[in-house]
Protein backbone atom coordinates (compact mmCIF):
# COMPACT_ATOMS: atom_id res chain seq x y z
CA MET A 1 -1.52 4.63 -9.99
CA PHE A 2 1.65 3.38 -8.40
CA SER A 3 3.48 1.77 -11.30
CA GLU A 4 6.13 4.51 -11.20
CA MET A 5 6.72 3.83 -7.50
CA VAL A 6 7.06 0.09 -8.08
CA ARG A 7 9.36 0.51 -11.10
CA GLY A 8 11.54 2.97 -9.17
CA LEU A 9 11.91 0.58 -6.24
CA GLU A 10 12.74 -2.27 -8.60
CA HIS A 11 15.50 -0.11 -10.06
CA GLY A 12 16.84 0.94 -6.66
CA ARG A 13 15.24 4.38 -6.44
CA LEU A 14 12.99 5.73 -3.75
CA PRO A 15 10.05 7.75 -5.10
CA ASP A 16 9.62 11.48 -4.65
CA ILE A 17 7.80 11.63 -1.31
CA LEU A 18 5.77 14.78 -2.03
CA SER A 19 4.27 13.48 -5.27
CA LEU A 20 3.77 10.02 -3.76
CA ARG A 21 1.91 11.57 -0.81
CA GLY A 22 -0.48 13.28 -3.22
CA ARG A 23 -1.06 10.10 -5.22
CA LEU A 24 -1.59 8.13 -2.01
CA HIS A 25 -4.28 10.49 -0.76
CA ALA A 26 -6.04 10.51 -4.14
CA ALA A 27 -5.86 6.71 -4.32
CA LEU A 28 -7.23 6.32 -0.80
CA ILE A 29 -10.21 8.50 -1.70
CA LYS A 30 -10.87 6.33 -4.77
CA LYS A 31 -10.48 3.11 -2.81
CA LEU A 32 -12.70 4.26 0.07
CA ALA A 33 -15.41 5.33 -2.37
CA LEU A 34 -15.18 1.98 -4.11
CA VAL A 35 -15.38 -0.24 -1.03
CA GLN A 36 -18.51 1.61 0.08
CA GLN A 37 -20.25 0.28 -3.03
CA PRO A 38 -21.67 -3.22 -3.29
CA PRO A 39 -18.88 -5.65 -4.28
CA THR A 40 -20.45 -6.28 -7.69
CA TYR A 41 -19.44 -2.71 -8.59
CA TRP A 42 -15.81 -3.14 -7.56
CA GLU A 43 -13.65 -2.78 -10.63
CA SER A 44 -10.40 -4.54 -11.33
CA ASP A 45 -8.79 -1.60 -13.17
CA PRO A 46 -6.01 -0.36 -10.84
CA LYS A 47 -6.60 3.23 -12.00
CA ARG A 48 -10.13 3.06 -10.59
CA ASN A 49 -9.47 0.50 -7.87
CA PRO A 50 -5.92 1.03 -6.58
CA VAL A 51 -4.08 -2.12 -5.56
CA THR A 52 -4.35 -2.42 -1.77
CA GLU A 53 -0.79 -3.70 -1.45
CA HIS A 54 0.52 -0.64 -3.27
CA LEU A 55 -1.49 1.64 -0.98
CA PHE A 56 0.19 -0.07 1.96
CA TRP A 57 3.64 0.34 0.38
CA ALA A 58 3.00 4.02 -0.35
CA ALA A 59 1.81 4.69 3.21
CA ILE A 60 5.05 3.17 4.51
CA LEU A 61 7.21 5.11 2.07
CA VAL A 62 5.66 8.46 3.05
CA GLU A 63 5.61 7.35 6.70
CA ASP A 64 1.93 8.21 7.12
CA GLN A 65 0.48 6.26 10.05
CA GLU A 66 -3.06 7.50 9.46
CA SER A 67 -3.02 6.33 5.84
CA LEU A 68 -1.51 3.02 6.92
CA ASN A 69 -4.37 2.53 9.39
CA THR A 70 -6.87 3.41 6.66
CA VAL A 71 -5.35 0.77 4.38
CA LYS A 72 -5.64 -1.81 7.17
CA SER A 73 -9.33 -0.92 7.48
CA ILE A 74 -9.76 -1.38 3.74
CA VAL A 75 -8.13 -4.81 4.01
CA LEU A 76 -10.68 -5.76 6.66
CA VAL A 77 -13.56 -4.65 4.42
CA GLU A 78 -12.15 -6.59 1.48
CA ALA A 79 -11.67 -9.66 3.66
CA GLU A 80 -15.21 -9.46 4.97
CA VAL A 81 -16.64 -9.26 1.48
CA GLY A 82 -14.47 -11.64 -0.47
CA GLY A 83 -12.43 -13.53 2.05
CA ARG A 84 -9.39 -12.16 0.23
CA HIS A 85 -7.09 -11.38 3.10
CA GLN A 86 -6.68 -11.92 6.76
CA LEU A 87 -5.15 -8.72 8.07
CA SER A 88 -2.15 -10.40 9.68
CA SER A 89 -1.30 -12.45 6.58
CA PHE A 90 -1.83 -9.38 4.37
CA VAL A 91 0.57 -7.30 6.49
CA ASP A 92 3.18 -10.08 6.58
CA SER A 93 3.11 -10.85 2.87
CA THR A 94 2.95 -7.18 1.85
CA LEU A 95 5.91 -6.24 4.03
CA LYS A 96 7.91 -9.18 2.64
CA SER A 97 7.13 -8.18 -0.93
CA LEU A 98 8.02 -4.54 -0.25
CA LEU A 99 11.34 -5.48 1.32
CA SER A 100 12.18 -7.85 -1.53
CA VAL A 101 11.26 -5.52 -4.39
CA SER A 102 14.73 -3.95 -4.58
CA ASP A 103 18.16 -5.57 -4.58
CA ASN A 104 19.71 -2.29 -3.42
CA PRO A 105 20.85 -2.70 0.22
CA GLN A 106 20.49 1.04 0.89
CA ILE A 107 16.87 1.01 -0.28
CA ARG A 108 16.17 -2.07 1.80
CA GLU A 109 17.71 -0.43 4.89
CA SER A 110 15.70 2.73 4.31
CA LEU A 111 12.51 0.66 4.01
CA LEU A 112 13.32 -1.26 7.19
CA GLN A 113 13.82 2.02 9.06
CA LYS A 114 10.46 3.33 7.83
CA VAL A 115 8.74 0.09 8.86
CA ASP A 116 10.34 0.31 12.31
CA ARG A 117 9.07 3.88 12.79
CA LEU A 118 5.48 2.94 11.90
CA GLU A 119 2.98 0.60 13.50
CA CYS A 120 2.73 -1.68 10.50
CA GLY A 121 1.46 -4.75 12.33
CA LEU A 122 -1.82 -5.35 14.04
């Protein structure tokens, strides 16, 4: 769902915020519906089970605190079920990967400003 966003960042382009906001909300609905199911029904297809890290990135890019908090809640559910993530290590590693995805200093600065404006940590 977010391959265009990731490719754009890798090539030094910020995504269109309006379309990204729509994709983020659709992806959150999918993810929330999925994590309410028993874990045996969780799919690995990112079109049906959006990558949690990409949800976090998208919430930062659109500067949506509510969506960011929802993603953190999803991380906690995933950690409880599969021991996948501790929230603090998830936030740290996801922020590092977001900030390192582009070599463009202007993109990096824009991302840092967005992170500063949001409550990304715990």
